Amino acid sequence: MITTLEDLRKLYAAPKPRALAKQLDKLDPHCRHFISLAPFLVIATTGKDGRVDASPRGGAPGFVRIVDDQTLQLPDALGNNRLDSFTNIVETGHVGLIFFIPGMDETLRINGRATLNDDAALLQQFPHEKHPPRIVVEIHVEEAYLHCAKALMRSKLWAADHRIERAAFPSMGQMIQDQSGATGAVETLADTVARYKAEI
């Protein structure tokens, strides 16, 4: 069992200088270009009780707005109203993002602080959204760095011959009913997809 940093470091060589030098405290042109092309990210937050949440977010490339070299704006979108990420941001403000571009194995990581802004003038700056956002997550960039391609290469995430057919799983309605113990009619996959399309 590893319980100290000293024991942990004994198992691994020191990071190469390049791995440390690549970490920036603001967005450079490469980071900005990556964000402008990314249609998907995962946002990680922590609550005051230490609970961690990681949640997917998606939109058209450029759905995350670059305000300046240290500020990003992520508009709210319709979801399940659990508000796990937003609750954690209110409690601690700690946030981490990892951006993905389909077909590209490298990713971009951003760490920093976040606040929730519901200013009407700001919300109106996102007219391209089908459903106007109720909140914009404003992220102050403290760390930004490109992450190597190894994880996505190992997973073959974008490889067509590694895709799993959706039919390999029950519908979302069936899985949630099984997990929750609910009874009644089960929403079919087709019905779920139709509902999602109406919401996005």
N, C-alpha and C. Protein backbone atom coordinates (compact mmCIF):
# COMPACT_ATOMS: atom_id res chain seq x y z
N MET A 1 0.85 -1.19 0.00
CA MET A 1 0.00 0.00 0.00
C MET A 1 0.89 1.25 0.00
N ILE A 2 0.61 2.14 -0.91
CA ILE A 2 1.36 3.39 -1.01
C ILE A 2 0.62 4.46 -0.21
N THR A 3 1.27 4.99 0.81
CA THR A 3 0.62 5.98 1.68
C THR A 3 1.38 7.29 1.78
N THR A 4 2.57 7.37 1.19
CA THR A 4 3.35 8.61 1.25
C THR A 4 3.83 8.98 -0.15
N LEU A 5 4.08 10.25 -0.33
CA LEU A 5 4.60 10.71 -1.62
C LEU A 5 5.99 10.15 -1.88
N GLU A 6 6.75 9.95 -0.81
CA GLU A 6 8.09 9.39 -0.96
C GLU A 6 8.02 7.97 -1.53
N ASP A 7 7.10 7.16 -1.01
CA ASP A 7 6.94 5.80 -1.51
C ASP A 7 6.44 5.81 -2.95
N LEU A 8 5.55 6.72 -3.24
CA LEU A 8 5.02 6.80 -4.61
C LEU A 8 6.13 7.15 -5.59
N ARG A 9 6.93 8.14 -5.27
CA ARG A 9 7.97 8.60 -6.20
C ARG A 9 9.04 7.54 -6.41
N LYS A 10 9.23 6.62 -5.46
CA LYS A 10 10.20 5.55 -5.63
C LYS A 10 9.86 4.65 -6.82
N LEU A 11 8.59 4.59 -7.17
CA LEU A 11 8.14 3.72 -8.25
C LEU A 11 8.26 4.36 -9.62
N TYR A 12 8.46 5.67 -9.66
CA TYR A 12 8.45 6.39 -10.93
C TYR A 12 9.65 7.31 -11.05
N ALA A 13 10.18 7.39 -12.25
CA ALA A 13 11.27 8.33 -12.50
C ALA A 13 10.75 9.76 -12.43
N ALA A 14 11.64 10.69 -12.27
CA ALA A 14 11.24 12.10 -12.26
C ALA A 14 10.68 12.47 -13.63
N PRO A 15 9.69 13.37 -13.67
CA PRO A 15 9.15 13.77 -14.97
C PRO A 15 10.21 14.45 -15.82
N LYS A 16 10.13 14.25 -17.11
CA LYS A 16 11.07 14.90 -18.01
C LYS A 16 10.84 16.41 -17.99
N PRO A 17 11.89 17.18 -18.19
CA PRO A 17 11.74 18.65 -18.16
C PRO A 17 10.64 19.16 -19.08
N ARG A 18 10.48 18.52 -20.24
CA ARG A 18 9.46 18.99 -21.18
C ARG A 18 8.06 18.86 -20.60
N ALA A 19 7.82 17.78 -19.80
CA ALA A 19 6.51 17.57 -19.21
C ALA A 19 6.15 18.66 -18.21
N LEU A 20 7.17 19.26 -17.60
CA LEU A 20 6.94 20.34 -16.67
C LEU A 20 6.88 21.69 -17.38
N ALA A 21 7.74 21.86 -18.38
CA ALA A 21 7.83 23.14 -19.08
C ALA A 21 6.58 23.45 -19.90
N LYS A 22 5.83 22.41 -20.30
CA LYS A 22 4.66 22.63 -21.15
C LYS A 22 3.50 23.27 -20.39
N GLN A 23 3.54 23.23 -19.06
CA GLN A 23 2.44 23.80 -18.27
C GLN A 23 2.51 25.31 -18.30
N LEU A 24 1.42 25.93 -18.74
CA LEU A 24 1.34 27.38 -18.85
C LEU A 24 0.36 27.92 -17.82
N ASP A 25 0.46 29.22 -17.55
CA ASP A 25 -0.50 29.84 -16.64
C ASP A 25 -1.53 30.68 -17.39
N LYS A 26 -1.56 30.53 -18.70
CA LYS A 26 -2.54 31.22 -19.53
C LYS A 26 -2.63 30.49 -20.87
N LEU A 27 -3.58 30.88 -21.67
CA LEU A 27 -3.78 30.25 -22.97
C LEU A 27 -2.82 30.85 -24.00
N ASP A 28 -2.12 29.99 -24.70
CA ASP A 28 -1.28 30.45 -25.81
C ASP A 28 -2.04 30.18 -27.12
N PRO A 29 -1.48 30.55 -28.27
CA PRO A 29 -2.20 30.34 -29.54
C PRO A 29 -2.61 28.89 -29.79
N HIS A 30 -1.78 27.92 -29.36
CA HIS A 30 -2.13 26.51 -29.58
C HIS A 30 -3.33 26.11 -28.72
N CYS A 31 -3.36 26.56 -27.46
CA CYS A 31 -4.51 26.27 -26.60
C CYS A 31 -5.78 26.90 -27.16
N ARG A 32 -5.66 28.13 -27.61
CA ARG A 32 -6.83 28.83 -28.14
C ARG A 32 -7.35 28.12 -29.39
N HIS A 33 -6.44 27.67 -30.25
CA HIS A 33 -6.84 26.97 -31.47
C HIS A 33 -7.55 25.66 -31.10
N PHE A 34 -7.00 24.95 -30.13
CA PHE A 34 -7.58 23.67 -29.70
C PHE A 34 -9.01 23.89 -29.20
N ILE A 35 -9.20 24.87 -28.33
CA ILE A 35 -10.52 25.14 -27.77
C ILE A 35 -11.51 25.52 -28.87
N SER A 36 -11.04 26.27 -29.86
CA SER A 36 -11.93 26.71 -30.94
C SER A 36 -12.43 25.56 -31.79
N LEU A 37 -11.73 24.43 -31.79
CA LEU A 37 -12.10 23.28 -32.61
C LEU A 37 -12.76 22.16 -31.80
N ALA A 38 -12.78 22.30 -30.48
CA ALA A 38 -13.26 21.22 -29.63
C ALA A 38 -14.78 21.28 -29.46
N PRO A 39 -15.50 20.20 -29.83
CA PRO A 39 -16.95 20.16 -29.61
C PRO A 39 -17.34 19.45 -28.32
N PHE A 40 -16.34 19.02 -27.54
CA PHE A 40 -16.63 18.19 -26.37
C PHE A 40 -15.58 18.42 -25.30
N LEU A 41 -16.04 18.40 -24.04
CA LEU A 41 -15.13 18.47 -22.91
C LEU A 41 -15.72 17.73 -21.74
N VAL A 42 -14.89 17.44 -20.77
CA VAL A 42 -15.33 16.94 -19.47
C VAL A 42 -14.93 17.97 -18.44
N ILE A 43 -15.89 18.37 -17.60
CA ILE A 43 -15.62 19.33 -16.54
C ILE A 43 -15.63 18.60 -15.20
N ALA A 44 -14.58 18.78 -14.43
CA ALA A 44 -14.46 18.16 -13.12
C ALA A 44 -14.49 19.25 -12.05
N THR A 45 -15.25 18.99 -10.99
CA THR A 45 -15.39 19.94 -9.90
C THR A 45 -15.31 19.20 -8.57
N THR A 46 -15.06 19.96 -7.51
CA THR A 46 -15.04 19.37 -6.17
C THR A 46 -15.93 20.18 -5.24
N GLY A 47 -16.65 19.48 -4.36
CA GLY A 47 -17.50 20.14 -3.38
C GLY A 47 -16.76 20.37 -2.08
N LYS A 48 -17.40 21.07 -1.16
CA LYS A 48 -16.75 21.39 0.11
C LYS A 48 -16.52 20.15 0.96
N ASP A 49 -17.26 19.07 0.67
CA ASP A 49 -17.08 17.82 1.40
C ASP A 49 -16.05 16.91 0.74
N GLY A 50 -15.40 17.42 -0.32
CA GLY A 50 -14.40 16.63 -1.04
C GLY A 50 -14.97 15.78 -2.14
N ARG A 51 -16.30 15.78 -2.29
CA ARG A 51 -16.92 14.99 -3.35
C ARG A 51 -16.52 15.53 -4.71
N VAL A 52 -16.15 14.62 -5.60
CA VAL A 52 -15.70 15.00 -6.94
C VAL A 52 -16.78 14.64 -7.96
N ASP A 53 -16.98 15.52 -8.92
CA ASP A 53 -17.93 15.26 -9.99
C ASP A 53 -17.23 15.52 -11.32
N ALA A 54 -17.46 14.65 -12.29
CA ALA A 54 -16.98 14.86 -13.66
C ALA A 54 -18.16 14.72 -14.59
N SER A 55 -18.36 15.71 -15.45
CA SER A 55 -19.56 15.76 -16.27
C SER A 55 -19.22 16.15 -17.70
N PRO A 56 -19.83 15.49 -18.69
CA PRO A 56 -19.57 15.84 -20.09
C PRO A 56 -20.33 17.09 -20.50
N ARG A 57 -19.73 17.85 -21.41
CA ARG A 57 -20.38 19.01 -22.01
C ARG A 57 -20.05 19.01 -23.50
N GLY A 58 -21.02 19.40 -24.31
CA GLY A 58 -20.78 19.39 -25.75
C GLY A 58 -21.53 20.48 -26.46
N GLY A 59 -21.08 20.77 -27.68
CA GLY A 59 -21.73 21.77 -28.52
C GLY A 59 -20.96 21.88 -29.83
N ALA A 60 -21.35 22.81 -30.63
CA ALA A 60 -20.62 23.05 -31.87
C ALA A 60 -19.21 23.52 -31.54
N PRO A 61 -18.22 23.19 -32.39
CA PRO A 61 -16.86 23.69 -32.13
C PRO A 61 -16.88 25.18 -31.85
N GLY A 62 -16.21 25.56 -30.78
CA GLY A 62 -16.24 26.95 -30.36
C GLY A 62 -17.33 27.27 -29.37
N PHE A 63 -18.06 26.24 -28.87
CA PHE A 63 -19.14 26.52 -27.91
C PHE A 63 -18.60 27.07 -26.60
N VAL A 64 -17.33 26.82 -26.31
CA VAL A 64 -16.67 27.47 -25.18
C VAL A 64 -16.01 28.74 -25.70
N ARG A 65 -16.41 29.86 -25.17
CA ARG A 65 -15.91 31.15 -25.67
C ARG A 65 -14.61 31.52 -24.97
N ILE A 66 -13.65 31.96 -25.77
CA ILE A 66 -12.38 32.48 -25.25
C ILE A 66 -12.52 33.99 -25.13
N VAL A 67 -12.52 34.48 -23.90
CA VAL A 67 -12.64 35.91 -23.66
C VAL A 67 -11.28 36.58 -23.77
N ASP A 68 -10.29 35.99 -23.12
CA ASP A 68 -8.91 36.47 -23.20
C ASP A 68 -8.01 35.30 -22.82
N ASP A 69 -6.73 35.57 -22.61
CA ASP A 69 -5.78 34.48 -22.39
C ASP A 69 -5.98 33.76 -21.06
N GLN A 70 -6.82 34.31 -20.18
CA GLN A 70 -7.02 33.64 -18.90
C GLN A 70 -8.50 33.47 -18.54
N THR A 71 -9.38 33.68 -19.52
CA THR A 71 -10.80 33.60 -19.22
C THR A 71 -11.56 32.84 -20.30
N LEU A 72 -12.35 31.86 -19.85
CA LEU A 72 -13.23 31.10 -20.73
C LEU A 72 -14.66 31.23 -20.24
N GLN A 73 -15.60 31.11 -21.16
CA GLN A 73 -17.02 31.13 -20.81
C GLN A 73 -17.71 29.90 -21.40
N LEU A 74 -18.34 29.13 -20.53
CA LEU A 74 -19.05 27.91 -20.91
C LEU A 74 -20.53 28.11 -20.64
N PRO A 75 -21.37 28.21 -21.69
CA PRO A 75 -22.80 28.43 -21.46
C PRO A 75 -23.49 27.17 -20.97
N ASP A 76 -24.48 27.38 -20.12
CA ASP A 76 -25.33 26.30 -19.65
C ASP A 76 -26.09 25.68 -20.82
N ALA A 77 -26.47 24.42 -20.68
CA ALA A 77 -27.32 23.75 -21.67
C ALA A 77 -28.34 22.92 -20.90
N LEU A 78 -29.44 22.56 -21.56
CA LEU A 78 -30.45 21.74 -20.89
C LEU A 78 -29.86 20.43 -20.43
N GLY A 79 -30.16 20.05 -19.20
CA GLY A 79 -29.64 18.79 -18.66
C GLY A 79 -30.66 18.17 -17.73
N ASN A 80 -30.16 17.43 -16.74
CA ASN A 80 -31.06 16.70 -15.85
C ASN A 80 -31.41 17.47 -14.57
N ASN A 81 -30.87 18.69 -14.45
CA ASN A 81 -31.15 19.57 -13.30
C ASN A 81 -30.64 19.04 -11.97
N ARG A 82 -29.72 18.07 -11.99
CA ARG A 82 -29.07 17.66 -10.74
C ARG A 82 -28.17 18.79 -10.22
N LEU A 83 -27.53 19.51 -11.16
CA LEU A 83 -26.69 20.66 -10.82
C LEU A 83 -25.46 20.27 -9.99
N ASP A 84 -24.95 19.07 -10.20
CA ASP A 84 -23.78 18.63 -9.44
C ASP A 84 -22.58 19.55 -9.66
N SER A 85 -22.27 19.85 -10.92
CA SER A 85 -21.13 20.70 -11.22
C SER A 85 -21.34 22.10 -10.66
N PHE A 86 -22.52 22.66 -10.89
CA PHE A 86 -22.80 24.02 -10.44
C PHE A 86 -22.77 24.13 -8.92
N THR A 87 -23.30 23.12 -8.24
CA THR A 87 -23.26 23.12 -6.77
C THR A 87 -21.82 23.15 -6.28
N ASN A 88 -20.98 22.33 -6.88
CA ASN A 88 -19.57 22.30 -6.46
C ASN A 88 -18.88 23.63 -6.74
N ILE A 89 -19.20 24.24 -7.87
CA ILE A 89 -18.57 25.53 -8.21
C ILE A 89 -18.98 26.59 -7.19
N VAL A 90 -20.25 26.60 -6.80
CA VAL A 90 -20.69 27.55 -5.78
C VAL A 90 -19.95 27.30 -4.46
N GLU A 91 -19.74 26.02 -4.13
CA GLU A 91 -19.13 25.69 -2.84
C GLU A 91 -17.63 25.95 -2.80
N THR A 92 -16.91 25.60 -3.88
CA THR A 92 -15.44 25.71 -3.81
C THR A 92 -14.82 26.50 -4.95
N GLY A 93 -15.46 26.51 -6.11
CA GLY A 93 -14.90 27.22 -7.26
C GLY A 93 -13.79 26.48 -7.98
N HIS A 94 -13.40 25.30 -7.50
CA HIS A 94 -12.33 24.56 -8.16
C HIS A 94 -12.86 23.86 -9.41
N VAL A 95 -12.11 23.92 -10.50
CA VAL A 95 -12.59 23.31 -11.74
C VAL A 95 -11.41 22.81 -12.57
N GLY A 96 -11.65 21.71 -13.27
CA GLY A 96 -10.69 21.18 -14.24
C GLY A 96 -11.44 20.81 -15.51
N LEU A 97 -10.86 21.10 -16.65
CA LEU A 97 -11.48 20.78 -17.94
C LEU A 97 -10.51 19.95 -18.76
N ILE A 98 -11.04 19.03 -19.55
CA ILE A 98 -10.25 18.34 -20.55
C ILE A 98 -11.03 18.38 -21.86
N PHE A 99 -10.41 18.97 -22.88
CA PHE A 99 -11.04 19.17 -24.18
C PHE A 99 -10.64 18.06 -25.14
N PHE A 100 -11.61 17.64 -25.96
CA PHE A 100 -11.39 16.60 -26.97
C PHE A 100 -11.78 17.13 -28.35
N ILE A 101 -10.99 16.72 -29.35
CA ILE A 101 -11.32 16.98 -30.75
C ILE A 101 -11.41 15.62 -31.44
N PRO A 102 -12.56 15.27 -32.03
CA PRO A 102 -12.70 13.97 -32.68
C PRO A 102 -11.60 13.74 -33.71
N GLY A 103 -11.00 12.55 -33.64
CA GLY A 103 -9.94 12.20 -34.57
C GLY A 103 -8.55 12.61 -34.12
N MET A 104 -8.46 13.40 -33.07
CA MET A 104 -7.18 13.85 -32.56
C MET A 104 -6.92 13.19 -31.21
N ASP A 105 -5.77 12.54 -31.08
CA ASP A 105 -5.50 11.80 -29.85
C ASP A 105 -4.97 12.67 -28.72
N GLU A 106 -4.41 13.82 -29.03
CA GLU A 106 -3.99 14.73 -27.99
C GLU A 106 -5.21 15.42 -27.38
N THR A 107 -5.12 15.80 -26.11
CA THR A 107 -6.18 16.54 -25.45
C THR A 107 -5.58 17.79 -24.83
N LEU A 108 -6.46 18.68 -24.37
CA LEU A 108 -6.02 19.91 -23.71
C LEU A 108 -6.62 19.95 -22.31
N ARG A 109 -5.78 20.20 -21.34
CA ARG A 109 -6.23 20.25 -19.95
C ARG A 109 -6.14 21.68 -19.42
N ILE A 110 -7.20 22.09 -18.73
CA ILE A 110 -7.27 23.41 -18.12
C ILE A 110 -7.66 23.23 -16.67
N ASN A 111 -6.94 23.86 -15.76
CA ASN A 111 -7.29 23.88 -14.35
C ASN A 111 -7.42 25.32 -13.90
N GLY A 112 -8.33 25.59 -12.98
CA GLY A 112 -8.46 26.95 -12.51
C GLY A 112 -9.61 27.12 -11.56
N ARG A 113 -10.15 28.33 -11.56
CA ARG A 113 -11.25 28.70 -10.70
C ARG A 113 -12.46 29.06 -11.56
N ALA A 114 -13.64 28.82 -11.03
CA ALA A 114 -14.85 29.09 -11.81
C ALA A 114 -15.88 29.81 -10.95
N THR A 115 -16.69 30.62 -11.63
CA THR A 115 -17.84 31.27 -11.01
C THR A 115 -19.03 31.10 -11.94
N LEU A 116 -20.24 31.28 -11.40
CA LEU A 116 -21.47 31.20 -12.18
C LEU A 116 -22.03 32.61 -12.36
N ASN A 117 -22.30 32.97 -13.62
CA ASN A 117 -22.76 34.33 -13.93
C ASN A 117 -24.11 34.25 -14.62
N ASP A 118 -25.10 34.93 -14.07
CA ASP A 118 -26.43 34.95 -14.69
C ASP A 118 -26.81 36.35 -15.17
N ASP A 119 -25.80 37.20 -15.41
CA ASP A 119 -26.06 38.55 -15.89
C ASP A 119 -26.77 38.50 -17.24
N ALA A 120 -27.88 39.22 -17.34
CA ALA A 120 -28.71 39.16 -18.54
C ALA A 120 -27.96 39.58 -19.79
N ALA A 121 -27.13 40.60 -19.67
CA ALA A 121 -26.37 41.08 -20.82
C ALA A 121 -25.39 40.01 -21.31
N LEU A 122 -24.81 39.28 -20.38
CA LEU A 122 -23.88 38.21 -20.77
C LEU A 122 -24.64 37.07 -21.43
N LEU A 123 -25.77 36.67 -20.88
CA LEU A 123 -26.53 35.55 -21.43
C LEU A 123 -26.97 35.84 -22.87
N GLN A 124 -27.23 37.11 -23.17
CA GLN A 124 -27.66 37.48 -24.51
C GLN A 124 -26.55 37.40 -25.54
N GLN A 125 -25.33 37.18 -25.09
CA GLN A 125 -24.20 37.07 -26.01
C GLN A 125 -24.08 35.68 -26.61
N PHE A 126 -25.04 34.80 -26.30
CA PHE A 126 -25.02 33.44 -26.84
C PHE A 126 -26.30 33.18 -27.64
N PRO A 127 -26.57 34.01 -28.65
CA PRO A 127 -27.83 33.88 -29.39
C PRO A 127 -27.88 32.65 -30.28
N HIS A 128 -26.71 32.04 -30.55
CA HIS A 128 -26.69 30.87 -31.43
C HIS A 128 -27.20 29.61 -30.73
N GLU A 129 -27.33 29.65 -29.41
CA GLU A 129 -27.80 28.48 -28.69
C GLU A 129 -29.31 28.31 -28.91
N LYS A 130 -29.74 27.08 -29.17
CA LYS A 130 -31.16 26.81 -29.39
C LYS A 130 -31.97 27.17 -28.16
N HIS A 131 -31.42 26.84 -26.99
CA HIS A 131 -32.06 27.19 -25.73
C HIS A 131 -31.16 28.18 -25.01
N PRO A 132 -31.57 29.42 -24.83
CA PRO A 132 -30.72 30.42 -24.19
C PRO A 132 -30.21 29.92 -22.84
N PRO A 133 -28.95 30.11 -22.54
CA PRO A 133 -28.42 29.65 -21.25
C PRO A 133 -29.00 30.45 -20.10
N ARG A 134 -29.13 29.80 -18.97
CA ARG A 134 -29.57 30.48 -17.74
C ARG A 134 -28.38 30.91 -16.91
N ILE A 135 -27.24 30.25 -17.19
CA ILE A 135 -26.01 30.54 -16.46
C ILE A 135 -24.84 30.38 -17.43
N VAL A 136 -23.82 31.16 -17.21
CA VAL A 136 -22.55 30.97 -17.92
C VAL A 136 -21.48 30.68 -16.87
N VAL A 137 -20.74 29.61 -17.07
CA VAL A 137 -19.62 29.30 -16.19
C VAL A 137 -18.41 30.08 -16.69
N GLU A 138 -17.92 30.97 -15.85
CA GLU A 138 -16.72 31.74 -16.21
C GLU A 138 -15.52 31.10 -15.53
N ILE A 139 -14.54 30.73 -16.33
CA ILE A 139 -13.38 29.99 -15.84
C ILE A 139 -12.15 30.87 -15.92
N HIS A 140 -11.47 31.02 -14.79
CA HIS A 140 -10.20 31.73 -14.75
C HIS A 140 -9.08 30.69 -14.85
N VAL A 141 -8.34 30.75 -15.93
CA VAL A 141 -7.31 29.75 -16.22
C VAL A 141 -6.10 29.96 -15.31
N GLU A 142 -5.72 28.91 -14.58
CA GLU A 142 -4.51 28.94 -13.76
C GLU A 142 -3.44 28.01 -14.32
N GLU A 143 -3.87 26.93 -14.95
CA GLU A 143 -2.94 25.98 -15.59
C GLU A 143 -3.53 25.53 -16.91
N ALA A 144 -2.69 25.46 -17.93
CA ALA A 144 -3.12 24.98 -19.25
C ALA A 144 -1.99 24.18 -19.86
N TYR A 145 -2.31 22.98 -20.29
CA TYR A 145 -1.27 22.22 -20.98
C TYR A 145 -1.87 21.12 -21.85
N LEU A 146 -1.17 20.88 -22.95
CA LEU A 146 -1.55 19.81 -23.87
C LEU A 146 -1.15 18.48 -23.27
N HIS A 147 -2.04 17.50 -23.40
CA HIS A 147 -1.79 16.17 -22.85
C HIS A 147 -1.46 15.22 -24.00
N CYS A 148 -0.49 14.36 -23.78
CA CYS A 148 -0.01 13.48 -24.85
C CYS A 148 -1.09 12.51 -25.32
N ALA A 149 -0.84 11.87 -26.43
CA ALA A 149 -1.85 11.05 -27.12
C ALA A 149 -1.95 9.62 -26.61
N LYS A 150 -1.11 9.22 -25.67
CA LYS A 150 -1.00 7.79 -25.33
C LYS A 150 -2.32 7.16 -24.89
N ALA A 151 -3.08 7.84 -24.04
CA ALA A 151 -4.32 7.23 -23.51
C ALA A 151 -5.32 6.97 -24.63
N LEU A 152 -5.50 7.94 -25.51
CA LEU A 152 -6.46 7.75 -26.59
C LEU A 152 -5.94 6.77 -27.63
N MET A 153 -4.63 6.73 -27.81
CA MET A 153 -4.05 5.74 -28.72
C MET A 153 -4.27 4.33 -28.17
N ARG A 154 -4.06 4.15 -26.87
CA ARG A 154 -4.27 2.83 -26.26
C ARG A 154 -5.73 2.39 -26.40
N SER A 155 -6.63 3.34 -26.19
CA SER A 155 -8.05 3.00 -26.22
C SER A 155 -8.61 2.86 -27.63
N LYS A 156 -7.86 3.39 -28.62
CA LYS A 156 -8.36 3.42 -30.01
C LYS A 156 -9.74 4.10 -30.05
N LEU A 157 -9.86 5.18 -29.30
CA LEU A 157 -11.16 5.82 -29.12
C LEU A 157 -11.83 6.22 -30.42
N TRP A 158 -11.06 6.69 -31.38
CA TRP A 158 -11.66 7.18 -32.62
C TRP A 158 -11.67 6.14 -33.73
N ALA A 159 -11.16 4.94 -33.48
CA ALA A 159 -11.05 3.92 -34.53
C ALA A 159 -12.42 3.32 -34.85
N ALA A 160 -12.79 3.36 -36.11
CA ALA A 160 -14.11 2.87 -36.52
C ALA A 160 -14.28 1.38 -36.20
N ASP A 161 -13.21 0.60 -36.30
CA ASP A 161 -13.34 -0.84 -36.07
C ASP A 161 -13.38 -1.19 -34.57
N HIS A 162 -13.33 -0.18 -33.71
CA HIS A 162 -13.45 -0.42 -32.27
C HIS A 162 -14.75 0.15 -31.70
N ARG A 163 -15.61 0.63 -32.56
CA ARG A 163 -16.89 1.16 -32.09
C ARG A 163 -17.78 0.03 -31.56
N ILE A 164 -18.49 0.32 -30.49
CA ILE A 164 -19.44 -0.64 -29.92
C ILE A 164 -20.82 -0.31 -30.45
N GLU A 165 -21.51 -1.29 -30.95
CA GLU A 165 -22.86 -1.06 -31.45
C GLU A 165 -23.78 -0.70 -30.27
N ARG A 166 -24.63 0.28 -30.48
CA ARG A 166 -25.54 0.72 -29.41
C ARG A 166 -26.43 -0.41 -28.93
N ALA A 167 -26.72 -1.34 -29.82
CA ALA A 167 -27.58 -2.46 -29.46
C ALA A 167 -26.94 -3.40 -28.43
N ALA A 168 -25.65 -3.20 -28.15
CA ALA A 168 -24.99 -4.03 -27.14
C ALA A 168 -25.49 -3.72 -25.73
N PHE A 169 -26.17 -2.60 -25.56
CA PHE A 169 -26.71 -2.20 -24.28
C PHE A 169 -28.23 -2.06 -24.37
N PRO A 170 -28.92 -2.24 -23.25
CA PRO A 170 -30.35 -1.92 -23.23
C PRO A 170 -30.54 -0.42 -23.43
N SER A 171 -31.77 0.00 -23.61
CA SER A 171 -32.04 1.43 -23.71
C SER A 171 -31.71 2.11 -22.38
N MET A 172 -31.48 3.43 -22.43
CA MET A 172 -31.22 4.19 -21.21
C MET A 172 -32.41 4.06 -20.27
N GLY A 173 -33.63 4.09 -20.83
CA GLY A 173 -34.82 3.94 -20.01
C GLY A 173 -34.84 2.63 -19.25
N GLN A 174 -34.44 1.55 -19.93
CA GLN A 174 -34.44 0.24 -19.28
C GLN A 174 -33.38 0.17 -18.19
N MET A 175 -32.18 0.71 -18.48
CA MET A 175 -31.11 0.65 -17.48
C MET A 175 -31.48 1.45 -16.24
N ILE A 176 -32.04 2.65 -16.43
CA ILE A 176 -32.41 3.47 -15.27
C ILE A 176 -33.54 2.82 -14.48
N GLN A 177 -34.48 2.20 -15.19
CA GLN A 177 -35.56 1.51 -14.48
C GLN A 177 -35.01 0.35 -13.66
N ASP A 178 -34.07 -0.39 -14.22
CA ASP A 178 -33.45 -1.49 -13.49
C ASP A 178 -32.71 -0.97 -12.26
N GLN A 179 -32.00 0.15 -12.41
CA GLN A 179 -31.19 0.68 -11.31
C GLN A 179 -32.03 1.33 -10.23
N SER A 180 -33.14 1.96 -10.62
CA SER A 180 -33.95 2.72 -9.67
C SER A 180 -35.08 1.92 -9.04
N GLY A 181 -35.40 0.78 -9.66
CA GLY A 181 -36.51 -0.02 -9.16
C GLY A 181 -37.87 0.53 -9.57
N ALA A 182 -37.87 1.49 -10.50
CA ALA A 182 -39.13 2.07 -10.96
C ALA A 182 -39.94 1.03 -11.72
N THR A 183 -41.23 1.28 -11.81
CA THR A 183 -42.11 0.38 -12.56
C THR A 183 -42.84 1.20 -13.62
N GLY A 184 -43.49 0.50 -14.52
CA GLY A 184 -44.25 1.18 -15.56
C GLY A 184 -43.60 1.02 -16.91
N ALA A 185 -44.14 1.74 -17.89
CA ALA A 185 -43.63 1.63 -19.25
C ALA A 185 -42.19 2.13 -19.32
N VAL A 186 -41.40 1.45 -20.13
CA VAL A 186 -39.99 1.80 -20.32
C VAL A 186 -39.84 2.63 -21.59
N GLU A 187 -39.16 3.75 -21.48
CA GLU A 187 -38.89 4.57 -22.66
C GLU A 187 -37.94 3.83 -23.59
N THR A 188 -38.33 3.67 -24.83
CA THR A 188 -37.49 2.96 -25.79
C THR A 188 -36.31 3.83 -26.21
N LEU A 189 -35.32 3.21 -26.82
CA LEU A 189 -34.18 3.96 -27.32
C LEU A 189 -34.61 4.99 -28.34
N ALA A 190 -35.53 4.62 -29.22
CA ALA A 190 -36.01 5.56 -30.24
C ALA A 190 -36.69 6.76 -29.60
N ASP A 191 -37.49 6.50 -28.57
CA ASP A 191 -38.18 7.59 -27.88
C ASP A 191 -37.17 8.50 -27.16
N THR A 192 -36.16 7.89 -26.56
CA THR A 192 -35.13 8.67 -25.87
C THR A 192 -34.40 9.58 -26.85
N VAL A 193 -34.00 9.02 -27.99
CA VAL A 193 -33.28 9.79 -28.99
C VAL A 193 -34.16 10.94 -29.50
N ALA A 194 -35.43 10.67 -29.73
CA ALA A 194 -36.34 11.72 -30.20
C ALA A 194 -36.48 12.83 -29.16
N ARG A 195 -36.55 12.46 -27.90
CA ARG A 195 -36.66 13.46 -26.82
C ARG A 195 -35.39 14.29 -26.74
N TYR A 196 -34.24 13.62 -26.81
CA TYR A 196 -32.97 14.34 -26.78
C TYR A 196 -32.87 15.35 -27.92
N LYS A 197 -33.26 14.91 -29.12
CA LYS A 197 -33.16 15.80 -30.28
C LYS A 197 -34.00 17.05 -30.09
N ALA A 198 -35.17 16.90 -29.46
CA ALA A 198 -36.02 18.06 -29.20
C ALA A 198 -35.40 19.00 -28.18
N GLU A 199 -34.57 18.45 -27.30
CA GLU A 199 -33.98 19.27 -26.23
C GLU A 199 -32.67 19.93 -26.62
N ILE A 200 -31.97 19.36 -27.62
CA ILE A 200 -30.67 19.93 -27.97
C ILE A 200 -30.75 20.74 -29.24
